[in-house]
């Protein structure tokens, strides 16, 4: 099975960054071997490309397999559900 790739684009001034980042770190441990998470600063070139391609206007932004799935604060269970949906496709 191929790993699900998660990108989390964040900025130090974003509301919701801390809680969502914490949830992602917990899920990375829980779903070890199933997901790969990359934390990107909004100024990073890869982050800029993801944001531009998706039309995302806000950060933090959560991408799963290069698809924008959420902006703003995201709860752990919602992230887990989205990852599982991608796994089951």
N, C-alpha and C. Protein backbone atom coordinates (compact mmCIF):
# COMPACT_ATOMS: atom_id res chain seq x y z
N UNK A 1 0.84 -1.18 0.00
CA UNK A 1 0.00 0.00 0.00
C UNK A 1 0.89 1.24 0.00
N UNK A 2 0.52 2.21 -0.82
CA UNK A 2 1.26 3.46 -0.92
C UNK A 2 0.89 4.37 0.25
N UNK A 3 1.89 5.07 0.77
CA UNK A 3 1.66 6.00 1.87
C UNK A 3 0.84 7.20 1.38
N UNK A 4 0.02 7.71 2.27
CA UNK A 4 -0.71 8.94 2.01
C UNK A 4 0.22 10.09 2.37
N UNK A 5 0.38 11.03 1.43
CA UNK A 5 1.27 12.18 1.64
C UNK A 5 0.45 13.36 2.11
N UNK A 6 0.82 13.90 3.27
CA UNK A 6 0.12 15.05 3.86
C UNK A 6 1.09 16.22 3.92
N UNK A 7 0.65 17.36 3.39
CA UNK A 7 1.41 18.60 3.51
C UNK A 7 0.61 19.54 4.39
N UNK A 8 1.29 20.17 5.33
CA UNK A 8 0.66 21.15 6.20
C UNK A 8 1.39 22.47 6.01
N UNK A 9 0.72 23.42 5.36
CA UNK A 9 1.32 24.73 5.09
C UNK A 9 0.90 25.66 6.21
N UNK A 10 1.89 26.26 6.84
CA UNK A 10 1.62 27.08 8.02
C UNK A 10 2.45 28.34 8.03
N UNK A 11 2.04 29.27 8.84
CA UNK A 11 2.76 30.51 9.07
C UNK A 11 2.76 30.73 10.58
N UNK A 12 3.79 31.36 11.07
CA UNK A 12 3.89 31.58 12.51
C UNK A 12 2.75 32.43 13.05
N UNK A 13 2.11 33.23 12.19
CA UNK A 13 1.03 34.09 12.67
C UNK A 13 -0.37 33.50 12.44
N UNK A 14 -0.44 32.27 11.93
CA UNK A 14 -1.74 31.65 11.63
C UNK A 14 -2.44 31.17 12.90
N UNK A 15 -3.70 31.51 13.01
CA UNK A 15 -4.54 30.98 14.08
C UNK A 15 -4.85 29.53 13.70
N UNK A 16 -4.74 28.62 14.63
CA UNK A 16 -5.06 27.22 14.36
C UNK A 16 -3.86 26.37 14.01
N UNK A 17 -2.73 27.00 13.77
CA UNK A 17 -1.54 26.24 13.39
C UNK A 17 -1.12 25.28 14.49
N UNK A 18 -1.05 25.74 15.73
CA UNK A 18 -0.56 24.91 16.82
C UNK A 18 -1.38 23.66 17.06
N UNK A 19 -2.71 23.82 17.15
CA UNK A 19 -3.57 22.66 17.42
C UNK A 19 -3.55 21.67 16.27
N UNK A 20 -3.58 22.17 15.05
CA UNK A 20 -3.58 21.27 13.90
C UNK A 20 -2.24 20.57 13.77
N UNK A 21 -1.14 21.29 13.98
CA UNK A 21 0.19 20.68 13.93
C UNK A 21 0.33 19.59 14.98
N UNK A 22 -0.18 19.85 16.18
CA UNK A 22 -0.14 18.85 17.26
C UNK A 22 -0.95 17.61 16.86
N UNK A 23 -2.12 17.82 16.30
CA UNK A 23 -2.96 16.70 15.85
C UNK A 23 -2.24 15.88 14.79
N UNK A 24 -1.56 16.54 13.87
CA UNK A 24 -0.82 15.83 12.82
C UNK A 24 0.33 15.02 13.40
N UNK A 25 1.03 15.58 14.38
CA UNK A 25 2.13 14.82 15.01
C UNK A 25 1.61 13.57 15.71
N UNK A 26 0.46 13.69 16.36
CA UNK A 26 -0.15 12.53 17.01
C UNK A 26 -0.56 11.48 15.98
N UNK A 27 -1.16 11.93 14.88
CA UNK A 27 -1.58 11.00 13.83
C UNK A 27 -0.40 10.33 13.15
N UNK A 28 0.70 11.06 13.02
CA UNK A 28 1.89 10.48 12.41
C UNK A 28 2.37 9.27 13.20
N UNK A 29 2.25 9.35 14.53
CA UNK A 29 2.62 8.21 15.38
C UNK A 29 1.57 7.11 15.30
N UNK A 30 0.29 7.49 15.37
CA UNK A 30 -0.81 6.51 15.33
C UNK A 30 -0.87 5.74 14.02
N UNK A 31 -0.62 6.44 12.93
CA UNK A 31 -0.75 5.83 11.60
C UNK A 31 0.62 5.57 10.97
N UNK A 32 1.58 5.29 11.81
CA UNK A 32 2.95 5.07 11.35
C UNK A 32 2.97 4.06 10.21
N UNK A 33 3.68 4.43 9.16
CA UNK A 33 3.78 3.56 7.99
C UNK A 33 2.68 3.79 6.97
N UNK A 34 1.62 4.48 7.36
CA UNK A 34 0.50 4.74 6.45
C UNK A 34 0.52 6.15 5.89
N UNK A 35 1.10 7.09 6.65
CA UNK A 35 1.13 8.48 6.20
C UNK A 35 2.53 9.06 6.32
N UNK A 36 2.78 10.03 5.49
CA UNK A 36 4.02 10.80 5.56
C UNK A 36 3.60 12.26 5.61
N UNK A 37 4.03 12.97 6.64
CA UNK A 37 3.62 14.36 6.85
C UNK A 37 4.82 15.28 6.66
N UNK A 38 4.59 16.33 5.89
CA UNK A 38 5.62 17.34 5.69
C UNK A 38 5.05 18.68 6.12
N UNK A 39 5.74 19.32 7.05
CA UNK A 39 5.36 20.65 7.54
C UNK A 39 6.10 21.68 6.71
N UNK A 40 5.37 22.59 6.09
CA UNK A 40 5.96 23.60 5.22
C UNK A 40 5.63 25.00 5.71
N UNK A 41 6.61 25.87 5.68
CA UNK A 41 6.36 27.28 5.96
C UNK A 41 5.74 27.91 4.71
N UNK A 42 4.86 28.84 4.92
CA UNK A 42 4.14 29.47 3.82
C UNK A 42 5.09 30.11 2.80
N UNK A 43 6.30 30.48 3.21
CA UNK A 43 7.27 31.10 2.31
C UNK A 43 8.04 30.08 1.47
N UNK A 44 7.93 28.79 1.82
CA UNK A 44 8.63 27.73 1.11
C UNK A 44 8.11 27.63 -0.33
N UNK A 45 9.00 27.36 -1.26
CA UNK A 45 8.62 27.27 -2.67
C UNK A 45 7.56 26.19 -2.93
N UNK A 46 7.72 25.04 -2.29
CA UNK A 46 6.74 23.96 -2.46
C UNK A 46 5.38 24.39 -1.91
N UNK A 47 5.37 25.08 -0.78
CA UNK A 47 4.12 25.56 -0.19
C UNK A 47 3.45 26.57 -1.12
N UNK A 48 4.24 27.47 -1.68
CA UNK A 48 3.69 28.47 -2.60
C UNK A 48 3.03 27.80 -3.81
N UNK A 49 3.65 26.76 -4.32
CA UNK A 49 3.10 26.03 -5.48
C UNK A 49 1.79 25.35 -5.11
N UNK A 50 1.76 24.68 -3.96
CA UNK A 50 0.53 24.03 -3.52
C UNK A 50 -0.61 25.04 -3.36
N UNK A 51 -0.31 26.16 -2.71
CA UNK A 51 -1.32 27.19 -2.48
C UNK A 51 -1.81 27.78 -3.80
N UNK A 52 -0.88 28.07 -4.70
CA UNK A 52 -1.24 28.66 -5.99
C UNK A 52 -2.08 27.69 -6.82
N UNK A 53 -1.63 26.44 -6.91
CA UNK A 53 -2.34 25.46 -7.73
C UNK A 53 -3.75 25.18 -7.21
N UNK A 54 -3.93 25.26 -5.90
CA UNK A 54 -5.24 24.93 -5.31
C UNK A 54 -6.16 26.15 -5.21
N UNK A 55 -5.57 27.33 -5.31
CA UNK A 55 -6.36 28.55 -5.14
C UNK A 55 -6.64 28.86 -3.68
N UNK A 56 -5.94 28.20 -2.77
CA UNK A 56 -6.14 28.43 -1.33
C UNK A 56 -5.78 29.87 -1.00
N UNK A 57 -6.66 30.51 -0.25
CA UNK A 57 -6.46 31.91 0.12
C UNK A 57 -6.00 32.07 1.56
N UNK A 58 -6.07 31.00 2.35
CA UNK A 58 -5.79 31.10 3.78
C UNK A 58 -4.85 29.99 4.22
N UNK A 59 -4.11 30.28 5.27
CA UNK A 59 -3.33 29.26 5.95
C UNK A 59 -3.73 29.30 7.42
N UNK A 60 -3.54 28.22 8.13
CA UNK A 60 -2.92 27.00 7.67
C UNK A 60 -3.78 26.28 6.64
N UNK A 61 -3.10 25.51 5.80
CA UNK A 61 -3.78 24.75 4.76
C UNK A 61 -3.29 23.30 4.82
N UNK A 62 -4.22 22.39 4.68
CA UNK A 62 -3.93 20.96 4.76
C UNK A 62 -4.17 20.33 3.40
N UNK A 63 -3.14 19.65 2.89
CA UNK A 63 -3.22 18.97 1.60
C UNK A 63 -2.98 17.49 1.81
N UNK A 64 -3.77 16.68 1.14
CA UNK A 64 -3.55 15.23 1.15
C UNK A 64 -3.38 14.81 -0.30
N UNK A 65 -2.23 14.19 -0.57
CA UNK A 65 -1.88 13.81 -1.94
C UNK A 65 -2.06 14.97 -2.91
N UNK A 66 -1.55 16.12 -2.51
CA UNK A 66 -1.54 17.36 -3.31
C UNK A 66 -2.92 18.00 -3.51
N UNK A 67 -3.94 17.50 -2.86
CA UNK A 67 -5.28 18.08 -2.94
C UNK A 67 -5.59 18.85 -1.67
N UNK A 68 -6.04 20.08 -1.82
CA UNK A 68 -6.44 20.87 -0.66
C UNK A 68 -7.67 20.24 -0.03
N UNK A 69 -7.59 19.93 1.27
CA UNK A 69 -8.74 19.32 1.95
C UNK A 69 -9.29 20.20 3.06
N UNK A 70 -8.51 21.20 3.51
CA UNK A 70 -9.00 22.08 4.58
C UNK A 70 -8.09 23.28 4.74
N UNK A 71 -8.69 24.36 5.23
CA UNK A 71 -7.91 25.52 5.67
C UNK A 71 -8.38 25.87 7.07
N UNK A 72 -7.53 26.55 7.81
CA UNK A 72 -7.86 26.89 9.18
C UNK A 72 -7.59 25.73 10.12
N UNK A 73 -8.08 25.84 11.32
CA UNK A 73 -7.88 24.80 12.33
C UNK A 73 -8.67 23.55 11.95
N UNK A 74 -8.01 22.38 12.04
CA UNK A 74 -8.65 21.12 11.71
C UNK A 74 -8.45 20.16 12.88
N UNK A 75 -9.53 19.55 13.32
CA UNK A 75 -9.47 18.60 14.44
C UNK A 75 -8.83 17.28 14.01
N UNK A 76 -8.22 16.62 14.94
CA UNK A 76 -7.52 15.36 14.70
C UNK A 76 -8.42 14.32 14.04
N UNK A 77 -9.63 14.13 14.54
CA UNK A 77 -10.52 13.10 13.99
C UNK A 77 -10.92 13.42 12.55
N UNK A 78 -11.05 14.69 12.23
CA UNK A 78 -11.39 15.07 10.85
C UNK A 78 -10.23 14.75 9.91
N UNK A 79 -9.01 15.05 10.35
CA UNK A 79 -7.83 14.73 9.54
C UNK A 79 -7.75 13.22 9.33
N UNK A 80 -7.94 12.47 10.40
CA UNK A 80 -7.86 11.00 10.32
C UNK A 80 -8.90 10.47 9.34
N UNK A 81 -10.11 11.02 9.41
CA UNK A 81 -11.18 10.57 8.50
C UNK A 81 -10.80 10.86 7.04
N UNK A 82 -10.24 12.03 6.78
CA UNK A 82 -9.84 12.40 5.42
C UNK A 82 -8.72 11.49 4.91
N UNK A 83 -7.76 11.16 5.77
CA UNK A 83 -6.67 10.26 5.39
C UNK A 83 -7.24 8.88 5.06
N UNK A 84 -8.14 8.39 5.89
CA UNK A 84 -8.74 7.07 5.66
C UNK A 84 -9.56 7.04 4.39
N UNK A 85 -10.23 8.14 4.04
CA UNK A 85 -10.99 8.20 2.79
C UNK A 85 -10.05 8.03 1.60
N UNK A 86 -8.90 8.68 1.65
CA UNK A 86 -7.92 8.59 0.57
C UNK A 86 -7.35 7.16 0.50
N UNK A 87 -7.08 6.58 1.67
CA UNK A 87 -6.55 5.20 1.70
C UNK A 87 -7.50 4.22 1.06
N UNK A 88 -8.79 4.44 1.24
CA UNK A 88 -9.80 3.51 0.76
C UNK A 88 -10.23 3.73 -0.68
N UNK A 89 -9.70 4.78 -1.31
CA UNK A 89 -10.03 5.04 -2.72
C UNK A 89 -9.31 4.08 -3.63
